[in-house]
């Protein structure tokens, strides 16, 4: 579960955004704050995984709070900026300070849900990688940050990440049935994802012939 702290000076808007967060699978609201000082106290005492941060706060600009967060000991939460600020200077600074997304107010549930889903898929993808990433891994991560749908229409980025990780870890190869059992999906779904990766050239298909019947399709990472 991804814990989210919602920071907005408007109590009504904060409540609306918190309600949006609660509707997205995999997220829960760790709290709300209406000033930078309250947000800072919550970060130091309770912590969170993700900060939904308004920039126009009564006691400190949100970008200044992000700068302060760079001094925190230990892991820092990721930040999605939610603001009415449309100037390029604010956008550029937020990017430089590490914001993973920037949402301009007003926005509806679907827009925030899309960004949260992209962030959830990114975290899931990062959790499947080893200490080093190849170029395909890097491209996928940055694609998730941009759109949340970099793996093709009709495919879940999180599931695709699990499939790719399982194929890479298999020795020397894996079948669709084995993959389905390992990551908890149906065999037809495993076959569909493996076929997609084969079309992309990420995995190769091997044929294993038995005594009778059709050959078994096996898959290994290229």
Protein backbone atom coordinates (compact mmCIF):
# COMPACT_ATOMS: atom_id res chain seq x y z
CA UNK A 1 0.00 0.00 0.00
CA UNK A 2 1.29 3.46 -0.95
CA UNK A 3 0.80 6.06 1.79
CA UNK A 4 -0.06 9.55 0.54
CA UNK A 5 0.08 12.89 2.35
CA UNK A 6 -2.24 15.48 0.76
CA UNK A 7 -1.07 19.08 1.20
CA UNK A 8 -3.36 21.94 0.19
CA UNK A 9 -4.21 25.21 1.91
CA UNK A 10 -7.89 24.85 0.94
CA UNK A 11 -9.58 22.41 3.33
CA UNK A 12 -12.30 21.59 0.84
CA UNK A 13 -9.87 20.90 -2.00
CA UNK A 14 -7.67 18.80 0.27
CA UNK A 15 -10.68 16.69 1.21
CA UNK A 16 -11.63 16.24 -2.45
CA UNK A 17 -8.13 15.16 -3.40
CA UNK A 18 -7.94 12.82 -0.43
CA UNK A 19 -11.21 11.28 -1.59
CA UNK A 20 -9.75 10.81 -5.07
CA UNK A 21 -6.70 9.04 -3.63
CA UNK A 22 -8.86 6.64 -1.62
CA UNK A 23 -10.63 5.56 -4.81
CA UNK A 24 -7.42 4.39 -6.52
CA UNK A 25 -6.36 0.82 -5.80
CA UNK A 26 -3.09 0.50 -3.93
CA UNK A 27 -3.21 3.93 -2.26
CA UNK A 28 -4.33 5.19 1.12
CA UNK A 29 -4.33 8.64 2.67
CA UNK A 30 -1.78 8.96 5.45
CA UNK A 31 -3.04 12.43 6.33
CA UNK A 32 -3.78 15.93 5.13
CA UNK A 33 -1.96 19.19 5.84
CA UNK A 34 -2.88 22.78 5.05
CA UNK A 35 0.42 24.55 5.70
CA UNK A 36 4.04 23.83 4.89
CA UNK A 37 4.91 23.58 8.58
CA UNK A 38 2.17 21.01 9.18
CA UNK A 39 3.36 19.04 6.17
CA UNK A 40 6.96 19.19 7.40
CA UNK A 41 5.94 17.96 10.86
CA UNK A 42 3.95 15.10 9.32
CA UNK A 43 6.88 14.10 7.11
CA UNK A 44 9.26 13.99 10.06
CA UNK A 45 6.95 12.21 12.49
CA UNK A 46 4.85 9.88 10.34
CA UNK A 47 6.43 9.87 6.91
CA UNK A 48 4.75 8.83 3.67
CA UNK A 49 5.59 7.38 0.28
CA UNK A 50 4.07 10.12 -1.86
CA UNK A 51 3.28 13.78 -1.33
CA UNK A 52 0.51 15.54 -3.24
CA UNK A 53 1.83 19.05 -2.85
CA UNK A 54 0.13 22.37 -3.54
CA UNK A 55 2.61 25.16 -4.23
CA UNK A 56 0.64 28.11 -2.88
CA UNK A 57 0.77 27.54 0.88
CA UNK A 58 0.21 30.34 3.43
CA UNK A 59 3.53 30.04 5.27
CA UNK A 60 5.99 28.76 2.66
CA UNK A 61 6.02 28.15 -1.07
CA UNK A 62 5.71 24.48 -1.96
CA UNK A 63 8.93 24.57 -3.99
CA UNK A 64 10.78 25.83 -0.92
CA UNK A 65 9.33 22.93 1.05
CA UNK A 66 10.67 20.58 -1.62
CA UNK A 67 14.10 22.17 -1.20
CA UNK A 68 13.90 21.58 2.54
CA UNK A 69 12.98 17.96 1.91
CA UNK A 70 16.37 17.49 0.25
CA UNK A 71 17.93 17.89 3.70
CA UNK A 72 15.88 15.11 5.27
CA UNK A 73 17.72 12.11 6.67
CA UNK A 74 16.75 8.75 5.25
CA UNK A 75 14.36 8.12 2.37
CA UNK A 76 12.32 11.06 1.09
CA UNK A 77 8.82 10.76 -0.32
CA UNK A 78 8.17 11.29 -4.00
CA UNK A 79 6.19 14.38 -4.96
CA UNK A 80 3.34 15.04 -7.35
CA UNK A 81 2.81 18.80 -7.58
CA UNK A 82 -0.84 19.89 -7.66
CA UNK A 83 -1.18 23.61 -8.27
CA UNK A 84 -2.74 26.44 -10.22
CA UNK A 85 0.77 27.66 -11.11
CA UNK A 86 1.20 27.37 -14.89
CA UNK A 87 4.39 29.38 -15.34
CA UNK A 88 7.29 27.51 -16.87
CA UNK A 89 9.65 28.63 -14.10
CA UNK A 90 7.58 26.73 -11.53
CA UNK A 91 7.34 23.67 -13.76
CA UNK A 92 11.08 23.69 -14.47
CA UNK A 93 11.97 24.12 -10.80
CA UNK A 94 9.63 21.34 -9.73
CA UNK A 95 11.25 19.02 -12.26
CA UNK A 96 14.73 19.94 -11.06
CA UNK A 97 13.68 19.24 -7.48
CA UNK A 98 12.48 15.77 -8.44
CA UNK A 99 8.70 16.02 -8.86
CA UNK A 100 7.47 12.87 -10.61
CA UNK A 101 4.38 14.62 -12.02
CA UNK A 102 2.92 18.13 -12.22
CA UNK A 103 -0.87 18.54 -12.25
CA UNK A 104 -2.44 21.92 -13.01
CA UNK A 105 -5.65 22.74 -11.14
CA UNK A 106 -8.48 22.25 -11.61
CA UNK A 107 -8.47 18.58 -12.56
CA UNK A 108 -10.88 15.71 -12.18
CA UNK A 109 -10.57 12.27 -10.71
CA UNK A 110 -9.57 10.58 -13.97
CA UNK A 111 -6.55 12.84 -14.45
CA UNK A 112 -5.23 12.22 -10.93
CA UNK A 113 -6.04 8.51 -11.14
CA UNK A 114 -3.98 8.27 -14.34
CA UNK A 115 -0.99 9.91 -12.65
CA UNK A 116 -1.32 7.76 -9.55
CA UNK A 117 -1.59 4.64 -11.67
CA UNK A 118 1.58 5.61 -13.54
CA UNK A 119 3.37 6.16 -10.23
CA UNK A 120 2.13 2.81 -8.86
CA UNK A 121 3.37 1.04 -12.00
CA UNK A 122 6.71 2.79 -11.69
CA UNK A 123 7.17 1.61 -8.10
CA UNK A 124 6.15 -1.89 -9.09
CA UNK A 125 8.61 -1.87 -11.97
CA UNK A 126 11.45 -0.63 -9.77
CA UNK A 127 10.72 -3.42 -7.30
CA UNK A 128 11.33 -6.08 -9.97
CA UNK A 129 14.72 -4.79 -11.13
CA UNK A 130 18.10 -5.94 -9.95
CA UNK A 131 20.89 -3.59 -8.89
CA UNK A 132 21.54 -2.69 -12.53
CA UNK A 133 19.12 -1.79 -15.32
CA UNK A 134 19.60 -2.25 -19.05
CA UNK A 135 18.51 0.34 -21.61
CA UNK A 136 15.12 -1.31 -22.10
CA UNK A 137 14.52 -1.08 -18.36
CA UNK A 138 15.50 2.60 -18.30
CA UNK A 139 13.30 3.39 -21.30
CA UNK A 140 10.35 1.64 -19.64
CA UNK A 141 10.83 3.56 -16.38
CA UNK A 142 10.93 6.93 -18.10
CA UNK A 143 7.99 5.93 -20.27
CA UNK A 144 5.96 5.17 -17.16
CA UNK A 145 6.75 8.60 -15.76
CA UNK A 146 5.58 10.25 -18.95
CA UNK A 147 2.33 8.41 -19.58
CA UNK A 148 1.88 5.32 -17.44
CA UNK A 149 1.07 3.38 -20.62
CA UNK A 150 4.41 2.68 -22.27
CA UNK A 151 3.96 -1.07 -22.63
CA UNK A 152 1.24 -1.04 -25.29
CA UNK A 153 -2.50 -0.68 -25.36
CA UNK A 154 -4.30 -3.41 -23.44
CA UNK A 155 -1.28 -4.31 -21.30
CA UNK A 156 -0.61 -3.48 -17.66
CA UNK A 157 2.85 -2.03 -17.03
CA UNK A 158 2.99 -3.73 -13.63
CA UNK A 159 2.09 -7.15 -15.08
CA UNK A 160 4.51 -6.67 -17.97
CA UNK A 161 7.26 -5.87 -15.47
CA UNK A 162 6.52 -9.06 -13.54
CA UNK A 163 6.53 -11.13 -16.74
CA UNK A 164 9.84 -9.69 -17.91
CA UNK A 165 11.44 -10.19 -14.50
CA UNK A 166 10.25 -13.81 -14.34
CA UNK A 167 11.60 -14.57 -17.81
CA UNK A 168 14.95 -13.00 -16.96
CA UNK A 169 15.18 -15.01 -13.75
CA UNK A 170 14.22 -18.32 -15.36
CA UNK A 171 17.02 -20.78 -16.05
CA UNK A 172 17.38 -21.62 -18.83
CA UNK A 173 13.84 -20.87 -20.03
CA UNK A 174 10.20 -20.89 -18.93
CA UNK A 175 6.81 -21.93 -20.31
CA UNK A 176 3.62 -19.89 -20.23
CA UNK A 177 2.11 -22.33 -17.72
CA UNK A 178 5.13 -22.05 -15.42
CA UNK A 179 5.11 -18.28 -15.71
CA UNK A 180 1.40 -18.12 -14.91
CA UNK A 181 1.89 -20.16 -11.75
CA UNK A 182 4.92 -18.15 -10.66
CA UNK A 183 3.39 -14.67 -10.84
CA UNK A 184 -0.28 -15.55 -10.30
CA UNK A 185 -1.95 -14.87 -13.64
CA UNK A 186 -3.91 -17.09 -16.02
CA UNK A 187 -2.11 -19.12 -18.66
CA UNK A 188 -3.83 -17.29 -21.58
CA UNK A 189 -2.75 -13.97 -20.07
CA UNK A 190 0.82 -15.23 -19.69
CA UNK A 191 0.82 -16.38 -23.31
CA UNK A 192 -0.49 -13.00 -24.50
CA UNK A 193 2.21 -11.07 -22.64
CA UNK A 194 4.95 -13.44 -23.74
CA UNK A 195 3.82 -13.17 -27.37
CA UNK A 196 3.91 -9.37 -27.09
CA UNK A 197 7.47 -9.47 -25.71
CA UNK A 198 8.49 -11.90 -28.45
CA UNK A 199 7.14 -9.48 -31.09
CA UNK A 200 9.19 -6.71 -29.51
CA UNK A 201 12.29 -8.91 -29.59
CA UNK A 202 12.68 -8.83 -25.81
CA UNK A 203 12.28 -12.60 -25.45
CA UNK A 204 12.83 -15.44 -27.89
CA UNK A 205 10.66 -18.49 -28.41
CA UNK A 206 12.15 -21.97 -28.19
CA UNK A 207 10.39 -25.16 -29.29
CA UNK A 208 10.75 -28.25 -27.13
CA UNK A 209 9.67 -31.44 -28.88
CA UNK A 210 8.32 -34.35 -26.87
CA UNK A 211 7.59 -37.93 -27.87
CA UNK A 212 4.16 -37.04 -29.28
CA UNK A 213 1.92 -34.09 -29.94
CA UNK A 214 2.69 -30.45 -30.64
CA UNK A 215 6.00 -28.90 -29.49
CA UNK A 216 5.98 -26.90 -26.25
CA UNK A 217 6.74 -23.21 -26.51
CA UNK A 218 9.46 -22.06 -24.10
CA UNK A 219 10.67 -18.52 -23.57
CA UNK A 220 13.97 -16.98 -22.56
CA UNK A 221 15.29 -13.45 -22.31
CA UNK A 222 17.38 -12.15 -25.18
